[in-house]
PDB file of N, CA and C in Angstrom:
ATOM      1  N   MET A   1       8.642   9.662  -1.506  1.00  0.00           N
ATOM      2  CA  MET A   1       8.070   9.104  -0.517  1.00  0.00           C
ATOM      3  C   MET A   1       6.345   9.948   0.028  1.00  0.00           C
ATOM      4  N   LYS A   2       6.824  10.502   0.867  1.00  0.00           N
ATOM      5  CA  LYS A   2       5.911  11.952   1.114  1.00  0.00           C
ATOM      6  C   LYS A   2       5.397  12.654   0.930  1.00  0.00           C
ATOM      7  N   LYS A   3       6.323  13.043  -0.287  1.00  0.00           N
ATOM      8  CA  LYS A   3       5.919  13.922  -1.323  1.00  0.00           C
ATOM      9  C   LYS A   3       5.142  13.438  -2.509  1.00  0.00           C
ATOM     10  N   LEU A   4       5.284  13.268  -2.863  1.00  0.00           N
ATOM     11  CA  LEU A   4       4.679  11.603  -3.667  1.00  0.00           C
ATOM     12  C   LEU A   4       3.262  11.809  -3.935  1.00  0.00           C
ATOM     13  N   LEU A   5       2.897  11.601  -2.438  1.00  0.00           N
ATOM     14  CA  LEU A   5       1.481  11.019  -1.279  1.00  0.00           C
ATOM     15  C   LEU A   5       0.878  13.005  -1.127  1.00  0.00           C
ATOM     16  N   GLU A   6       2.117  12.979  -0.916  1.00  0.00           N
ATOM     17  CA  GLU A   6       0.706  14.738  -1.073  1.00  0.00           C
ATOM     18  C   GLU A   6       0.434  15.228  -2.342  1.00  0.00           C
ATOM     19  N   SER A   7       1.518  15.341  -3.719  1.00  0.00           N
ATOM     20  CA  SER A   7       0.926  15.692  -4.182  1.00  0.00           C
ATOM     21  C   SER A   7       0.011  15.661  -4.737  1.00  0.00           C
ATOM     22  N   TYR A   8      -0.203  16.853  -6.235  1.00  0.00           N
ATOM     23  CA  TYR A   8      -1.348  16.499  -6.315  1.00  0.00           C
ATOM     24  C   TYR A   8      -1.882  16.214  -8.063  1.00  0.00           C
ATOM     25  N   VAL A   9       0.094  14.882  -8.528  1.00  0.00           N
ATOM     26  CA  VAL A   9      -0.529  14.566  -9.586  1.00  0.00           C
ATOM     27  C   VAL A   9      -1.331  13.454 -10.093  1.00  0.00           C
ATOM     28  N   PHE A  10      -1.937  12.931  -9.073  1.00  0.00           N
ATOM     29  CA  PHE A  10      -2.830  12.459  -9.921  1.00  0.00           C
ATOM     30  C   PHE A  10      -4.266  12.814  -9.731  1.00  0.00           C
ATOM     31  N   GLU A  11      -5.091  11.829 -11.298  1.00  0.00           N
ATOM     32  CA  GLU A  11      -6.471  11.772 -11.702  1.00  0.00           C
ATOM     33  C   GLU A  11      -6.903  12.337 -10.227  1.00  0.00           C
ATOM     34  N   PRO A  12      -7.963  12.649 -10.515  1.00  0.00           N
ATOM     35  CA  PRO A  12      -9.067  13.198  -9.406  1.00  0.00           C
ATOM     36  C   PRO A  12     -10.302  12.800  -9.009  1.00  0.00           C
ATOM     37  N   ASN A  13     -11.030  12.228 -10.902  1.00  0.00           N
ATOM     38  CA  ASN A  13     -11.567  11.149 -10.750  1.00  0.00           C
ATOM     39  C   ASN A  13     -11.839  10.124 -10.035  1.00  0.00           C
ATOM     40  N   THR A  14     -10.692   9.126  -9.938  1.00  0.00           N
ATOM     41  CA  THR A  14     -10.216   7.925  -9.628  1.00  0.00           C
ATOM     42  C   THR A  14     -10.564   7.501  -7.922  1.00  0.00           C
ATOM     43  N   PRO A  15     -12.097   6.423  -8.317  1.00  0.00           N
ATOM     44  CA  PRO A  15     -12.637   5.296  -7.677  1.00  0.00           C
ATOM     45  C   PRO A  15     -11.142   5.580  -6.009  1.00  0.00           C
ATOM     46  N   ASN A  16     -11.495   6.102  -5.010  1.00  0.00           N
ATOM     47  CA  ASN A  16     -10.842   5.781  -3.644  1.00  0.00           C
ATOM     48  C   ASN A  16      -9.918   6.208  -3.257  1.00  0.00           C
ATOM     49  N   LEU A  17      -9.582   7.073  -4.348  1.00  0.00           N
ATOM     50  CA  LEU A  17      -7.668   7.984  -4.021  1.00  0.00           C
ATOM     51  C   LEU A  17      -7.642   8.362  -3.326  1.00  0.00           C
ATOM     52  N   PHE A  18      -8.423   9.149  -2.340  1.00  0.00           N
ATOM     53  CA  PHE A  18      -8.021  10.020  -1.202  1.00  0.00           C
ATOM     54  C   PHE A  18      -7.620   8.571   0.418  1.00  0.00           C
ATOM     55  N   GLU A  19      -9.341   7.170   0.392  1.00  0.00           N
ATOM     56  CA  GLU A  19      -8.512   6.924   1.299  1.00  0.00           C
ATOM     57  C   GLU A  19      -7.121   5.356   1.402  1.00  0.00           C
ATOM     58  N   ARG A  20      -6.910   5.380  -0.578  1.00  0.00           N
ATOM     59  CA  ARG A  20      -5.932   5.299  -0.115  1.00  0.00           C
ATOM     60  C   ARG A  20      -4.546   5.528   0.150  1.00  0.00           C
ATOM     61  N   LEU A  21      -4.273   6.890  -0.968  1.00  0.00           N
ATOM     62  CA  LEU A  21      -3.290   8.264  -0.636  1.00  0.00           C
ATOM     63  C   LEU A  21      -3.360   7.976   1.210  1.00  0.00           C
ATOM     64  N   GLN A  22      -4.509   8.068   1.661  1.00  0.00           N
ATOM     65  CA  GLN A  22      -4.424   8.428   3.683  1.00  0.00           C
ATOM     66  C   GLN A  22      -3.657   6.710   3.959  1.00  0.00           C
ATOM     67  N   ASP A  23      -4.093   5.966   3.153  1.00  0.00           N
ATOM     68  CA  ASP A  23      -4.010   4.477   3.867  1.00  0.00           C
ATOM     69  C   ASP A  23      -2.057   4.865   4.090  1.00  0.00           C
ATOM     70  N   TYR A  24      -1.766   4.237   2.579  1.00  0.00           N
ATOM     71  CA  TYR A  24       0.313   4.514   2.308  1.00  0.00           C
ATOM     72  C   TYR A  24       0.680   5.794   3.407  1.00  0.00           C
ATOM     73  N   LYS A  25       0.175   6.726   3.597  1.00  0.00           N
ATOM     74  CA  LYS A  25       0.397   8.019   4.025  1.00  0.00           C
ATOM     75  C   LYS A  25       0.585   7.290   5.000  1.00  0.00           C
ATOM     76  N   ALA A  26       0.069   6.416   6.398  1.00  0.00           N
ATOM     77  CA  ALA A  26       0.030   5.334   7.214  1.00  0.00           C
ATOM     78  C   ALA A  26       0.887   4.809   7.639  1.00  0.00           C
ATOM     79  N   HIS A  27       1.258   3.340   7.075  1.00  0.00           N
ATOM     80  CA  HIS A  27       1.838   3.077   6.628  1.00  0.00           C
ATOM     81  C   HIS A  27       3.016   3.350   6.269  1.00  0.00           C
ATOM     82  N   LEU A  28       3.256   4.567   5.571  1.00  0.00           N
ATOM     83  CA  LEU A  28       4.856   4.647   5.698  1.00  0.00           C
ATOM     84  C   LEU A  28       5.249   5.959   6.584  1.00  0.00           C
ATOM     85  N   ALA A  29       3.593   6.604   7.627  1.00  0.00           N
ATOM     86  CA  ALA A  29       4.963   7.011   8.902  1.00  0.00           C
ATOM     87  C   ALA A  29       5.249   5.879  10.235  1.00  0.00           C
ATOM     88  N   SER A  30       3.856   4.783   9.967  1.00  0.00           N
ATOM     89  CA  SER A  30       4.367   3.604  10.738  1.00  0.00           C
ATOM     90  C   SER A  30       6.118   3.540  10.038  1.00  0.00           C
ATOM     91  N   ALA A  31       6.854   2.969   8.992  1.00  0.00           N
ATOM     92  CA  ALA A  31       7.647   2.689   8.594  1.00  0.00           C
ATOM     93  C   ALA A  31       8.587   3.358   9.194  1.00  0.00           C
ATOM     94  N   ASN A  32       8.424   4.598   9.411  1.00  0.00           N
ATOM     95  CA  ASN A  32       9.588   5.461   9.134  1.00  0.00           C
ATOM     96  C   ASN A  32       9.988   5.438  11.275  1.00  0.00           C
ATOM     97  N   VAL A  33       8.452   5.115  11.713  1.00  0.00           N
ATOM     98  CA  VAL A  33       8.232   5.248  13.600  1.00  0.00           C
ATOM     99  C   VAL A  33       9.720   3.916  13.200  1.00  0.00           C
ATOM    100  N   ALA A  34       8.818   2.951  12.679  1.00  0.00           N
ATOM    101  CA  ALA A  34       9.835   1.904  12.793  1.00  0.00           C
ATOM    102  C   ALA A  34      11.428   1.570  12.683  1.00  0.00           C
ATOM    103  N   TRP A  35      10.985   2.242  11.671  1.00  0.00           N
ATOM    104  CA  TRP A  35      12.854   2.939  11.299  1.00  0.00           C
ATOM    105  C   TRP A  35      13.624   3.932  12.061  1.00  0.00           C
ATOM    106  N   ALA A  36      13.105   4.580  12.560  1.00  0.00           N
ATOM    107  CA  ALA A  36      13.579   4.685  14.092  1.00  0.00           C
ATOM    108  C   ALA A  36      13.788   4.482  15.184  1.00  0.00           C
ATOM    109  N   ALA A  37      13.314   3.493  15.110  1.00  0.00           N
ATOM    110  CA  ALA A  37      13.765   3.009  16.970  1.00  0.00           C
ATOM    111  C   ALA A  37      15.164   1.693  16.437  1.00  0.00           C
ATOM    112  N   LEU A  38      14.627   1.050  15.090  1.00  0.00           N
ATOM    113  CA  LEU A  38      15.452   0.234  14.799  1.00  0.00           C
ATOM    114  C   LEU A  38      17.621   0.658  14.747  1.00  0.00           C
ATOM    115  N   LYS A  39      17.298   2.548  14.025  1.00  0.00           N
ATOM    116  CA  LYS A  39      18.484   2.678  13.816  1.00  0.00           C
ATOM    117  C   LYS A  39      19.111   3.118  15.739  1.00  0.00           C
ATOM    118  N   LEU A  40      18.609   3.429  16.780  1.00  0.00           N
ATOM    119  CA  LEU A  40      17.952   3.392  18.350  1.00  0.00           C
ATOM    120  C   LEU A  40      18.528   1.867  18.334  1.00  0.00           C
ATOM    121  N   ALA A  41      18.933   1.028  18.273  1.00  0.00           N
ATOM    122  CA  ALA A  41      18.917  -0.264  18.653  1.00  0.00           C
ATOM    123  C   ALA A  41      20.000  -0.487  17.573  1.00  0.00           C
ATOM    124  N   VAL A  42      20.380  -0.649  16.321  1.00  0.00           N
ATOM    125  CA  VAL A  42      21.552  -0.336  15.662  1.00  0.00           C
ATOM    126  C   VAL A  42      22.549   0.549  16.598  1.00  0.00           C
ATOM    127  N   LYS A  43      22.246   1.795  16.762  1.00  0.00           N
ATOM    128  CA  LYS A  43      23.217   2.438  17.724  1.00  0.00           C
ATOM    129  C   LYS A  43      24.359   2.252  19.213  1.00  0.00           C
ATOM    130  N   LYS A  44      22.522   0.691  19.860  1.00  0.00           N
ATOM    131  CA  LYS A  44      22.990   0.571  20.765  1.00  0.00           C
ATOM    132  C   LYS A  44      23.126  -0.784  20.472  1.00  0.00           C
ATOM    133  N   HIS A  45      23.175  -1.363  19.589  1.00  0.00           N
ATOM    134  CA  HIS A  45      24.261  -3.064  19.583  1.00  0.00           C
ATOM    135  C   HIS A  45      25.151  -2.070  18.706  1.00  0.00           C
ATOM    136  N   GLU A  46      25.872  -1.523  18.393  1.00  0.00           N
ATOM    137  CA  GLU A  46      27.271  -0.505  17.765  1.00  0.00           C
ATOM    138  C   GLU A  46      28.598  -0.212  19.419  1.00  0.00           C
ATOM    139  N   ASN A  47      27.730   0.419  20.379  1.00  0.00           N
ATOM    140  CA  ASN A  47      28.259   1.319  21.537  1.00  0.00           C
ATOM    141  C   ASN A  47      28.645  -0.285  22.716  1.00  0.00           C
ATOM    142  N   ASP A  48      27.523  -1.725  22.723  1.00  0.00           N
ATOM    143  CA  ASP A  48      28.139  -2.391  22.735  1.00  0.00           C
ATOM    144  C   ASP A  48      28.705  -3.448  22.711  1.00  0.00           C
ATOM    145  N   LEU A  49      28.580  -3.174  20.995  1.00  0.00           N
ATOM    146  CA  LEU A  49      30.537  -3.994  20.955  1.00  0.00           C
ATOM    147  C   LEU A  49      31.144  -3.545  20.533  1.00  0.00           C
ATOM    148  N   GLY A  50      31.677  -2.220  21.251  1.00  0.00           N
ATOM    149  CA  GLY A  50      32.954  -1.427  22.150  1.00  0.00           C
ATOM    150  C   GLY A  50      33.304  -2.242  23.285  1.00  0.00           C
ATOM    151  N   GLY A  51      32.096  -3.134  23.727  1.00  0.00           N
ATOM    152  CA  GLY A  51      32.633  -3.649  25.119  1.00  0.00           C
ATOM    153  C   GLY A  51      32.393  -4.871  25.299  1.00  0.00           C
ATOM    154  N   MET A  52      33.662  -5.277  24.205  1.00  0.00           N
ATOM    155  CA  MET A  52      33.437  -6.195  23.679  1.00  0.00           C
ATOM    156  C   MET A  52      35.125  -7.476  23.873  1.00  0.00           C
ATOM    157  N   LEU A  53      35.856  -6.883  23.331  1.00  0.00           N
ATOM    158  CA  LEU A  53      37.114  -6.449  23.250  1.00  0.00           C
ATOM    159  C   LEU A  53      37.332  -6.632  24.942  1.00  0.00           C
ATOM    160  N   GLU A  54      36.829  -5.828  25.889  1.00  0.00           N
ATOM    161  CA  GLU A  54      36.735  -6.044  27.491  1.00  0.00           C
ATOM    162  C   GLU A  54      36.434  -7.133  27.520  1.00  0.00           C
ATOM    163  N   CYS A  55      35.183  -7.812  27.528  1.00  0.00           N
ATOM    164  CA  CYS A  55      35.101  -9.515  28.000  1.00  0.00           C
ATOM    165  C   CYS A  55      36.073 -10.402  27.532  1.00  0.00           C
ATOM    166  N   LYS A  56      36.062 -11.612  28.159  1.00  0.00           N
ATOM    167  CA  LYS A  56      37.383 -12.821  28.305  1.00  0.00           C
ATOM    168  C   LYS A  56      36.970 -13.609  27.970  1.00  0.00           C
ATOM    169  N   ASP A  57      35.414 -13.479  28.701  1.00  0.00           N
ATOM    170  CA  ASP A  57      35.099 -14.960  27.993  1.00  0.00           C
ATOM    171  C   ASP A  57      33.600 -15.495  27.303  1.00  0.00           C
ATOM    172  N   ASP A  58      33.663 -17.249  26.410  1.00  0.00           N
ATOM    173  CA  ASP A  58      33.477 -17.361  25.398  1.00  0.00           C
ATOM    174  C   ASP A  58      31.258 -17.120  25.642  1.00  0.00           C
ATOM    175  N   THR A  59      30.743 -16.713  26.916  1.00  0.00           N
ATOM    176  CA  THR A  59      29.664 -16.799  26.181  1.00  0.00           C
ATOM    177  C   THR A  59      29.496 -14.832  26.437  1.00  0.00           C
ATOM    178  N   CYS A  60      30.575 -13.614  26.751  1.00  0.00           N
ATOM    179  CA  CYS A  60      29.918 -12.955  26.042  1.00  0.00           C
ATOM    180  C   CYS A  60      29.934 -12.621  24.851  1.00  0.00           C
ATOM    181  N   ASP A  61      31.361 -13.868  23.603  1.00  0.00           N
ATOM    182  CA  ASP A  61      30.920 -13.446  22.346  1.00  0.00           C
ATOM    183  C   ASP A  61      30.085 -13.880  22.257  1.00  0.00           C
ATOM    184  N   LEU A  62      29.889 -15.125  22.388  1.00  0.00           N
ATOM    185  CA  LEU A  62      28.109 -15.907  22.081  1.00  0.00           C
ATOM    186  C   LEU A  62      27.075 -14.912  22.070  1.00  0.00           C
ATOM    187  N   THR A  63      27.032 -14.385  23.340  1.00  0.00           N
ATOM    188  CA  THR A  63      26.162 -12.714  23.385  1.00  0.00           C
ATOM    189  C   THR A  63      25.873 -12.156  22.606  1.00  0.00           C
ATOM    190  N   PHE A  64      27.531 -11.710  22.154  1.00  0.00           N
ATOM    191  CA  PHE A  64      27.260 -10.946  21.571  1.00  0.00           C
ATOM    192  C   PHE A  64      26.834 -10.823  19.776  1.00  0.00           C
ATOM    193  N   TYR A  65      27.154 -12.626  19.397  1.00  0.00           N
ATOM    194  CA  TYR A  65      26.781 -12.391  18.121  1.00  0.00           C
ATOM    195  C   TYR A  65      25.094 -12.804  17.761  1.00  0.00           C
ATOM    196  N   GLU A  66      25.137 -12.735  19.493  1.00  0.00           N
ATOM    197  CA  GLU A  66      23.312 -13.928  18.631  1.00  0.00           C
ATOM    198  C   GLU A  66      22.732 -11.750  19.035  1.00  0.00           C
ATOM    199  N   GLN A  67      22.865 -11.488  19.356  1.00  0.00           N
ATOM    200  CA  GLN A  67      22.890  -9.994  19.396  1.00  0.00           C
ATOM    201  C   GLN A  67      22.613  -9.400  18.363  1.00  0.00           C
ATOM    202  N   HIS A  68      23.620  -9.831  17.447  1.00  0.00           N
ATOM    203  CA  HIS A  68      24.134  -9.273  16.499  1.00  0.00           C
ATOM    204  C   HIS A  68      22.457  -9.620  15.222  1.00  0.00           C
ATOM    205  N   LYS A  69      23.360 -11.282  15.622  1.00  0.00           N
ATOM    206  CA  LYS A  69      22.419 -12.017  15.012  1.00  0.00           C
ATOM    207  C   LYS A  69      20.493 -11.662  15.047  1.00  0.00           C
ATOM    208  N   LEU A  70      21.032 -10.792  15.746  1.00  0.00           N
ATOM    209  CA  LEU A  70      19.075 -10.204  15.610  1.00  0.00           C
ATOM    210  C   LEU A  70      19.008  -9.018  15.088  1.00  0.00           C
ATOM    211  N   VAL A  71      20.189  -8.250  15.626  1.00  0.00           N
ATOM    212  CA  VAL A  71      19.565  -6.862  15.004  1.00  0.00           C
ATOM    213  C   VAL A  71      19.798  -6.855  13.198  1.00  0.00           C
ATOM    214  N   LYS A  72      20.507  -7.789  12.795  1.00  0.00           N
ATOM    215  CA  LYS A  72      20.500  -8.405  11.496  1.00  0.00           C
ATOM    216  C   LYS A  72      19.516  -7.830  11.078  1.00  0.00           C
ATOM    217  N   LYS A  73      18.509  -9.966  11.624  1.00  0.00           N
ATOM    218  CA  LYS A  73      17.245  -9.992  10.972  1.00  0.00           C
ATOM    219  C   LYS A  73      16.439  -8.952  11.124  1.00  0.00           C
ATOM    220  N   GLN A  74      16.334  -7.791  11.988  1.00  0.00           N
ATOM    221  CA  GLN A  74      15.869  -6.764  11.980  1.00  0.00           C
ATOM    222  C   GLN A  74      15.726  -5.863  11.646  1.00  0.00           C
ATOM    223  N   VAL A  75      17.253  -5.679  10.755  1.00  0.00           N
ATOM    224  CA  VAL A  75      17.616  -4.101   9.492  1.00  0.00           C
ATOM    225  C   VAL A  75      17.007  -5.193   8.834  1.00  0.00           C
ATOM    226  N   LEU A  76      16.956  -6.451   7.676  1.00  0.00           N
ATOM    227  CA  LEU A  76      16.691  -6.994   6.817  1.00  0.00           C
ATOM    228  C   LEU A  76      15.544  -7.017   6.438  1.00  0.00           C
ATOM    229  N   HIS A  77      14.576  -7.138   7.933  1.00  0.00           N
ATOM    230  CA  HIS A  77      13.045  -7.334   7.728  1.00  0.00           C
ATOM    231  C   HIS A  77      12.740  -5.400   7.755  1.00  0.00           C
ATOM    232  N   SER A  78      13.612  -4.605   8.442  1.00  0.00           N
ATOM    233  CA  SER A  78      12.636  -3.396   7.759  1.00  0.00           C
ATOM    234  C   SER A  78      13.481  -3.375   6.212  1.00  0.00           C
ATOM    235  N   PHE A  79      14.193  -3.553   6.337  1.00  0.00           N
ATOM    236  CA  PHE A  79      14.205  -2.834   4.553  1.00  0.00           C
ATOM    237  C   PHE A  79      13.184  -3.665   2.885  1.00  0.00           C
ATOM    238  N   GLU A  80      13.086  -4.916   3.783  1.00  0.00           N
ATOM    239  CA  GLU A  80      12.215  -5.755   3.188  1.00  0.00           C
ATOM    240  C   GLU A  80      10.693  -5.214   3.082  1.00  0.00           C
ATOM    241  N   THR A  81      10.406  -4.498   4.516  1.00  0.00           N
ATOM    242  CA  THR A  81       9.028  -4.103   4.484  1.00  0.00           C
ATOM    243  C   THR A  81       8.839  -2.840   3.607  1.00  0.00           C
ATOM    244  N   PHE A  82       9.954  -2.759   3.827  1.00  0.00           N
ATOM    245  CA  PHE A  82      10.052  -1.130   3.541  1.00  0.00           C
ATOM    246  C   PHE A  82       9.940  -0.971   1.842  1.00  0.00           C
ATOM    247  N   LYS A  83      10.985  -2.071   1.160  1.00  0.00           N
ATOM    248  CA  LYS A  83      10.940  -2.269  -0.133  1.00  0.00           C
ATOM    249  C   LYS A  83       9.315  -3.177  -1.065  1.00  0.00           C
ATOM    250  N   LEU A  84       8.695  -2.942   0.131  1.00  0.00           N
ATOM    251  CA  LEU A  84       7.670  -3.967  -0.510  1.00  0.00           C
ATOM    252  C   LEU A  84       6.277  -2.876  -1.011  1.00  0.00           C
ATOM    253  N   LEU A  85       7.002  -1.635   0.516  1.00  0.00           N
ATOM    254  CA  LEU A  85       5.324  -0.538   0.823  1.00  0.00           C
ATOM    255  C   LEU A  85       5.633  -0.051  -0.743  1.00  0.00           C
ATOM    256  N   LYS A  86       6.936   0.866  -0.372  1.00  0.00           N
ATOM    257  CA  LYS A  86       7.318   1.349  -2.082  1.00  0.00           C
ATOM    258  C   LYS A  86       6.738   0.533  -3.238  1.00  0.00           C
ATOM    259  N   SER A  87       7.331  -0.331  -3.914  1.00  0.00           N
ATOM    260  CA  SER A  87       6.661  -1.192  -4.322  1.00  0.00           C
ATOM    261  C   SER A  87       5.280  -0.939  -4.856  1.00  0.00           C
ATOM    262  N   GLU A  88       5.002  -1.145  -3.721  1.00  0.00           N
ATOM    263  CA  GLU A  88       3.074  -1.077  -3.895  1.00  0.00           C
ATOM    264  C   GLU A  88       2.608   0.495  -4.090  1.00  0.00           C
ATOM    265  N   ILE A  89       3.289   1.709  -3.772  1.00  0.00           N
ATOM    266  CA  ILE A  89       3.217   2.527  -3.941  1.00  0.00           C
ATOM    267  C   ILE A  89       3.214   3.072  -4.880  1.00  0.00           C
ATOM    268  N   PHE A  90       4.479   2.711  -5.385  1.00  0.00           N
ATOM    269  CA  PHE A  90       4.475   2.839  -7.350  1.00  0.00           C
ATOM    270  C   PHE A  90       3.968   2.351  -7.903  1.00  0.00           C
ATOM    271  N   ASN A  91       3.197   1.274  -7.887  1.00  0.00           N
ATOM    272  CA  ASN A  91       2.725  -0.145  -8.671  1.00  0.00           C
ATOM    273  C   ASN A  91       0.794   1.536  -9.049  1.00  0.00           C
ATOM    274  N   TYR A  92       0.426   1.246  -7.685  1.00  0.00           N
ATOM    275  CA  TYR A  92      -0.796   1.757  -7.413  1.00  0.00           C
ATOM    276  C   TYR A  92      -0.289   3.220  -8.479  1.00  0.00           C
ATOM    277  N   ALA A  93       0.627   4.938  -8.287  1.00  0.00           N
ATOM    278  CA  ALA A  93       0.912   5.645  -8.027  1.00  0.00           C
ATOM    279  C   ALA A  93       1.152   5.845  -9.944  1.00  0.00           C
ATOM    280  N   GLY A  94       1.604   4.670 -10.428  1.00  0.00           N
ATOM    281  CA  GLY A  94       2.259   5.499 -11.538  1.00  0.00           C
ATOM    282  C   GLY A  94       0.669   5.263 -12.777  1.00  0.00           C
ATOM    283  N   GLY A  95      -0.439   3.916 -12.235  1.00  0.00           N
ATOM    284  CA  GLY A  95      -1.504   4.233 -12.964  1.00  0.00           C
ATOM    285  C   GLY A  95      -2.147   5.287 -12.950  1.00  0.00           C
ATOM    286  N   ILE A  96      -2.115   6.089 -11.920  1.00  0.00           N
ATOM    287  CA  ILE A  96      -3.737   7.316 -11.830  1.00  0.00           C
ATOM    288  C   ILE A  96      -2.422   8.569 -11.874  1.00  0.00           C
ATOM    289  N   LEU A  97      -1.393   8.667 -12.085  1.00  0.00           N
ATOM    290  CA  LEU A  97      -0.756   9.723 -12.480  1.00  0.00           C
ATOM    291  C   LEU A  97      -1.137  10.662 -13.765  1.00  0.00           C
ATOM    292  N   LYS A  98      -1.690  12.245 -13.653  1.00  0.00           N
ATOM    293  CA  LYS A  98      -1.842  12.748 -15.139  1.00  0.00           C
ATOM    294  C   LYS A  98      -1.115  13.031 -16.224  1.00  0.00           C
ATOM    295  N   ASN A  99      -1.689  12.487 -16.874  1.00  0.00           N
ATOM    296  CA  ASN A  99      -1.813  12.369 -18.617  1.00  0.00           C
ATOM    297  C   ASN A  99      -0.963  14.361 -18.004  1.00  0.00           C
ATOM    298  N   ARG A 100       0.168  15.208 -18.851  1.00  0.00           N
ATOM    299  CA  ARG A 100       0.930  15.989 -19.341  1.00  0.00           C
ATOM    300  C   ARG A 100       0.077  15.896 -20.235  1.00  0.00           C
ATOM    301  N   LYS A 101      -0.092  17.302 -20.609  1.00  0.00           N
ATOM    302  CA  LYS A 101      -0.315  18.038 -21.547  1.00  0.00           C
ATOM    303  C   LYS A 101       0.510  18.052 -22.144  1.00  0.00           C
ATOM    304  N   PRO A 102       0.939  18.202 -23.742  1.00  0.00           N
ATOM    305  CA  PRO A 102       1.881  19.488 -25.100  1.00  0.00           C
ATOM    306  C   PRO A 102       2.199  20.245 -25.017  1.00  0.00           C
TER     307      PRO A 102
END
């Protein structure tokens, strides 16, 4: 996505091209930061699950289950957000690509 936004394949006379591309780059950078934080959260959750076997009471199980639901919700939200961003970028970029001459 980043390479597409930084390429020179767009019609140069498109109104607000530079501003739109910069906006998409900022959204993509924000998504990458969120994705990195999410990866850390998943890794931490995975490590915490290793301690689940050591827990003997039901409150620990409930805590792990609640954490798992929260991490799952964050992952699904992140996927949906990125899917929408990707769709928006492709819909915009598809209409302003330069035509190749045969």
